[in-house]
Amino acid sequence: MPSDAPRLLAIDSSTDTLSVALGSGAPGEEPLVFAGPGAAQSSATLLPAVQSLLARAGWTLDSLDAVVFGRGPGSFTGLRTACAVAQGLAYGAGGLPVLPVDTLMALAEAARAMRVGQGLAVPPVIAALLDARMNEIYVALYACGPDGLSAEPLRAPCLCAPQELATWLADSLPPALSLENGDCLLAGNVFEVYGEPLQALPGPRQVALPTAAALLSLAPALLAAGRAVDARDALPLYVRDKVARTTAEREA
């Protein structure tokens, strides 16, 4: 890595996989990465993973330029863990900027990079689909061009029932684009979980999860756009306030 390249630490624990990465986010760079159990289990391994990557890179915490974290939506416990650790590390390094990034944007970026790596075409729109449990899906739409994803989503993260996803997508795609023409890449971890409701949904598919490496790839443009905040202002994005069904709802 060039000596003048930014030093970034990225953290995502929004799913069952904890992902940590260290690098600059420059195109073509191979960051140092760690993957382990995520969500509620991430609290036990996250800080040791950060320390291990810093040691491998020969960096110190206070030599970082920013801390990037997946702010959500996703696992409630995982989001709180990533946010708290990002804040703590930023304070501990003397007040580093913190960059919160939507996990669905990171999912879309991970899917885009996988398609490019496989030599496959990337449609002009990516639908990021993350299992929200309780028979719901977190979904957002991102425009994708030669230079990557747009900084602003076409449709911000929201909740959608699997059986309503086809209608939601058809209503949300820009004019002249359609699922039937393959203009939207369906990316995420929902295809097995909600196989039957999604079976007839047309368009290319890519199994993907949000990753810290994807956060790094997105970080330079988002930092240049002024998206970093002070540690005290970094907050999770839950989208849904309800953690679980009630007993009566489960019985029904």
Protein backbone atom coordinates (compact mmCIF):
# COMPACT_ATOMS: atom_id res chain seq x y z
CA MET A 1 0.00 0.00 0.00
CA PRO A 2 1.35 3.48 -0.86
CA SER A 3 2.55 5.34 2.20
CA ASP A 4 0.10 8.19 1.56
CA ALA A 5 -2.93 5.88 1.20
CA PRO A 6 -5.62 6.24 3.88
CA ARG A 7 -5.60 3.67 6.65
CA LEU A 8 -9.11 2.39 7.26
CA LEU A 9 -10.58 -0.20 9.61
CA ALA A 10 -13.97 -1.66 8.64
CA ILE A 11 -16.33 -3.72 10.82
CA ASP A 12 -19.57 -5.53 10.02
CA SER A 13 -21.44 -7.75 12.48
CA SER A 14 -24.96 -7.29 11.10
CA THR A 15 -25.41 -10.98 10.21
CA ASP A 16 -24.34 -14.35 11.57
CA THR A 17 -20.84 -13.64 10.17
CA LEU A 18 -18.47 -11.14 11.76
CA SER A 19 -16.32 -9.42 9.15
CA VAL A 20 -13.33 -7.15 9.82
CA ALA A 21 -11.00 -5.63 7.22
CA LEU A 22 -7.99 -3.33 7.16
CA GLY A 23 -6.87 -1.39 4.09
CA SER A 24 -7.30 1.78 2.07
CA GLY A 25 -10.28 0.82 -0.06
CA ALA A 26 -8.31 1.49 -3.25
CA PRO A 27 -9.46 -0.43 -6.36
CA GLY A 28 -7.61 -3.70 -6.78
CA GLU A 29 -6.22 -3.70 -3.25
CA GLU A 30 -6.31 -6.95 -1.27
CA PRO A 31 -7.17 -5.90 2.30
CA LEU A 32 -6.34 -7.86 5.40
CA VAL A 33 -9.54 -9.59 6.46
CA PHE A 34 -11.01 -11.64 9.31
CA ALA A 35 -14.25 -13.64 9.38
CA GLY A 36 -15.86 -15.36 12.36
CA PRO A 37 -19.16 -15.89 14.19
CA GLY A 38 -21.22 -12.71 14.10
CA ALA A 39 -24.34 -11.14 15.59
CA ALA A 40 -24.46 -11.79 19.37
CA GLN A 41 -21.21 -13.80 19.30
CA SER A 42 -19.20 -11.00 17.72
CA SER A 43 -18.59 -9.20 21.02
CA ALA A 44 -16.16 -11.92 22.13
CA THR A 45 -14.00 -11.95 18.99
CA LEU A 46 -14.25 -8.47 17.49
CA LEU A 47 -11.59 -6.64 19.51
CA PRO A 48 -9.06 -9.52 19.32
CA ALA A 49 -9.63 -9.63 15.55
CA VAL A 50 -8.96 -5.89 15.25
CA GLN A 51 -5.78 -6.20 17.32
CA SER A 52 -4.60 -9.15 15.22
CA LEU A 53 -5.12 -7.33 11.91
CA LEU A 54 -3.38 -4.19 13.17
CA ALA A 55 -0.43 -6.31 14.29
CA ARG A 56 -0.25 -8.06 10.91
CA ALA A 57 -0.28 -4.72 9.10
CA GLY A 58 2.24 -3.16 11.48
CA TRP A 59 -0.21 -0.34 12.18
CA THR A 60 -1.23 1.25 15.44
CA LEU A 61 -4.76 2.29 16.30
CA ASP A 62 -3.88 5.97 16.33
CA SER A 63 -2.35 5.69 12.84
CA LEU A 64 -5.79 5.00 11.32
CA ASP A 65 -7.59 7.70 9.36
CA ALA A 66 -11.15 6.48 10.02
CA VAL A 67 -13.24 3.61 11.37
CA VAL A 68 -15.98 2.30 9.09
CA PHE A 69 -18.87 0.17 10.34
CA GLY A 70 -22.01 -1.43 8.94
CA ARG A 71 -24.76 0.54 10.68
CA GLY A 72 -27.69 -1.68 9.66
CA PRO A 73 -30.23 -2.93 9.16
CA GLY A 74 -29.44 -6.37 10.54
CA SER A 75 -29.03 -8.19 13.84
CA PHE A 76 -29.94 -5.81 16.67
CA THR A 77 -27.15 -7.07 18.93
CA GLY A 78 -24.64 -7.16 16.09
CA LEU A 79 -25.40 -3.59 15.05
CA ARG A 80 -25.03 -2.29 18.60
CA THR A 81 -21.75 -4.18 18.98
CA ALA A 82 -20.24 -2.79 15.77
CA CYS A 83 -21.35 0.74 16.58
CA ALA A 84 -20.07 0.64 20.17
CA VAL A 85 -16.71 -0.82 19.16
CA ALA A 86 -16.30 1.70 16.33
CA GLN A 87 -17.04 4.53 18.77
CA GLY A 88 -14.70 3.13 21.41
CA LEU A 89 -11.83 2.67 18.97
CA ALA A 90 -12.35 6.16 17.55
CA TYR A 91 -12.26 7.70 21.02
CA GLY A 92 -9.31 5.54 22.02
CA ALA A 93 -7.31 6.76 19.02
CA GLY A 94 -7.84 10.39 19.95
CA GLY A 95 -11.03 11.17 18.04
CA LEU A 96 -10.98 9.41 14.67
CA PRO A 97 -13.80 10.07 12.20
CA VAL A 98 -16.41 7.31 12.09
CA LEU A 99 -18.11 6.35 8.83
CA PRO A 100 -21.49 4.60 9.22
CA VAL A 101 -22.51 2.73 6.04
CA ASP A 102 -25.81 1.00 5.31
CA THR A 103 -25.30 -2.76 5.44
CA LEU A 104 -27.55 -3.19 2.39
CA MET A 105 -25.20 -0.93 0.43
CA ALA A 106 -22.29 -3.12 1.55
CA LEU A 107 -24.27 -6.20 0.47
CA ALA A 108 -24.88 -4.66 -2.96
CA GLU A 109 -21.18 -3.77 -3.29
CA ALA A 110 -20.13 -7.30 -2.28
CA ALA A 111 -22.48 -8.74 -4.92
CA ARG A 112 -21.20 -6.31 -7.56
CA ALA A 113 -17.58 -7.24 -6.84
CA MET A 114 -18.41 -10.95 -7.02
CA ARG A 115 -20.05 -10.51 -10.43
CA VAL A 116 -17.09 -8.52 -11.74
CA GLY A 117 -14.67 -11.14 -10.39
CA GLN A 118 -16.62 -13.89 -12.15
CA GLY A 119 -16.66 -11.98 -15.43
CA LEU A 120 -20.44 -11.60 -15.30
CA ALA A 121 -22.46 -8.58 -16.33
CA VAL A 122 -23.72 -6.27 -13.60
CA PRO A 123 -27.24 -4.94 -14.29
CA PRO A 124 -27.94 -1.21 -13.86
CA VAL A 125 -29.81 -1.79 -10.58
CA ILE A 126 -28.98 -4.03 -7.61
CA ALA A 127 -31.67 -5.07 -5.13
CA ALA A 128 -29.97 -5.83 -1.80
CA LEU A 129 -32.04 -8.44 0.08
CA LEU A 130 -31.20 -9.40 3.66
CA ASP A 131 -33.18 -11.88 5.75
CA ALA A 132 -34.92 -9.90 8.51
CA ARG A 133 -36.43 -13.01 10.12
CA MET A 134 -40.12 -13.08 11.14
CA ASN A 135 -41.06 -13.66 7.48
CA GLU A 136 -39.71 -10.28 6.34
CA ILE A 137 -36.87 -9.05 4.15
CA TYR A 138 -34.75 -5.92 4.45
CA VAL A 139 -34.54 -4.47 0.93
CA ALA A 140 -32.98 -1.45 -0.77
CA LEU A 141 -32.26 -0.53 -4.40
CA TYR A 142 -28.96 0.87 -5.71
CA ALA A 143 -28.08 2.17 -9.14
CA CYS A 144 -24.88 0.65 -10.51
CA GLY A 145 -22.71 2.09 -13.27
CA PRO A 146 -19.17 1.63 -14.63
CA ASP A 147 -17.73 3.38 -11.57
CA GLY A 148 -19.72 1.32 -9.06
CA LEU A 149 -22.72 2.05 -6.89
CA SER A 150 -24.39 5.42 -6.58
CA ALA A 151 -23.86 7.11 -3.22
CA GLU A 152 -27.62 7.47 -2.68
CA PRO A 153 -30.01 4.50 -2.86
CA LEU A 154 -32.81 4.50 -5.40
CA ARG A 155 -34.97 3.19 -2.56
CA ALA A 156 -33.80 3.44 1.04
CA PRO A 157 -33.70 0.34 3.27
CA CYS A 158 -37.13 -0.86 4.32
CA LEU A 159 -39.03 -4.03 5.23
CA CYS A 160 -40.97 -6.15 2.76
CA ALA A 161 -42.85 -9.43 3.01
CA PRO A 162 -41.43 -12.10 0.63
CA GLN A 163 -44.75 -12.53 -1.15
CA GLU A 164 -44.90 -8.77 -1.81
CA LEU A 165 -41.33 -8.38 -3.07
CA ALA A 166 -42.14 -8.76 -6.77
CA THR A 167 -44.71 -5.95 -6.61
CA TRP A 168 -42.39 -3.75 -4.53
CA LEU A 169 -39.56 -4.17 -7.03
CA ALA A 170 -41.78 -3.56 -10.05
CA ASP A 171 -43.07 -0.35 -8.46
CA SER A 172 -39.60 0.79 -7.37
CA LEU A 173 -37.49 0.27 -10.50
CA PRO A 174 -36.80 3.35 -12.64
CA PRO A 175 -38.95 3.75 -15.77
CA ALA A 176 -37.86 1.65 -18.77
CA LEU A 177 -36.23 -0.95 -16.52
CA SER A 178 -37.87 -4.25 -15.62
CA LEU A 179 -37.23 -7.51 -13.81
CA GLU A 180 -38.22 -9.47 -16.91
CA ASN A 181 -35.44 -7.86 -18.96
CA GLY A 182 -32.81 -8.70 -16.33
CA ASP A 183 -32.25 -5.05 -15.42
CA CYS A 184 -32.10 -5.79 -11.68
CA LEU A 185 -29.64 -8.06 -9.89
CA LEU A 186 -31.25 -9.79 -6.92
CA ALA A 187 -28.50 -10.08 -4.30
CA GLY A 188 -28.58 -11.41 -0.76
CA ASN A 189 -29.17 -14.36 1.54
CA VAL A 190 -32.94 -14.82 1.15
CA PHE A 191 -33.25 -17.26 -1.73
CA GLU A 192 -33.19 -20.48 0.30
CA VAL A 193 -35.01 -19.08 3.31
CA TYR A 194 -37.95 -17.79 1.25
CA GLY A 195 -37.62 -20.12 -1.70
CA GLU A 196 -41.29 -20.61 -2.52
CA PRO A 197 -42.46 -16.95 -2.47
CA LEU A 198 -39.38 -15.90 -4.48
CA GLN A 199 -39.32 -18.85 -6.88
CA ALA A 200 -41.04 -17.07 -9.78
CA LEU A 201 -39.17 -13.78 -9.31
CA PRO A 202 -37.34 -13.08 -12.62
CA GLY A 203 -33.82 -11.71 -12.96
CA PRO A 204 -30.23 -12.73 -12.23
CA ARG A 205 -29.38 -13.72 -8.66
CA GLN A 206 -26.24 -13.48 -6.56
CA VAL A 207 -25.90 -14.98 -3.09
CA ALA A 208 -24.07 -12.40 -1.00
CA LEU A 209 -23.68 -10.88 2.47
CA PRO A 210 -22.42 -7.48 3.62
CA THR A 211 -18.68 -7.67 4.27
CA ALA A 212 -16.04 -5.43 5.78
CA ALA A 213 -14.09 -5.61 2.49
CA ALA A 214 -17.13 -4.16 0.71
CA LEU A 215 -17.29 -1.40 3.33
CA LEU A 216 -13.67 -0.56 2.57
CA SER A 217 -14.41 -0.36 -1.17
CA LEU A 218 -17.24 2.09 -0.53
CA ALA A 219 -15.41 4.15 2.08
CA PRO A 220 -13.19 6.47 -0.05
CA ALA A 221 -16.10 7.91 -2.05
CA LEU A 222 -18.31 8.23 1.03
CA LEU A 223 -15.54 9.91 3.00
CA ALA A 224 -14.94 12.33 0.11
CA ALA A 225 -18.68 13.08 0.13
CA GLY A 226 -18.46 14.12 3.79
CA ARG A 227 -20.35 11.14 5.25
CA ALA A 228 -18.02 10.66 8.24
CA VAL A 229 -19.27 11.78 11.66
CA ASP A 230 -17.89 12.28 15.15
CA ALA A 231 -17.94 9.10 17.21
CA ARG A 232 -20.72 10.41 19.46
CA ASP A 233 -22.98 10.89 16.42
CA ALA A 234 -22.58 7.36 15.03
CA LEU A 235 -25.83 5.41 15.41
CA PRO A 236 -27.22 2.07 14.24
CA LEU A 237 -29.97 1.93 11.60
CA TYR A 238 -32.53 -0.61 12.79
CA VAL A 239 -35.39 -0.04 10.27
CA ARG A 240 -37.52 -2.32 12.46
CA ASP A 241 -38.02 -1.76 16.20
CA LYS A 242 -39.51 -5.16 16.90
CA VAL A 243 -37.00 -7.83 17.92
CA ALA A 244 -39.22 -10.93 17.95
CA ARG A 245 -42.78 -12.13 17.65
CA THR A 246 -44.97 -12.36 20.74
CA THR A 247 -46.05 -15.80 22.00
CA ALA A 248 -49.53 -15.27 20.55
CA GLU A 249 -48.06 -14.33 17.14
CA ARG A 250 -45.84 -17.41 17.12
CA GLU A 251 -48.78 -19.68 18.00
CA ALA A 252 -50.91 -18.13 15.26
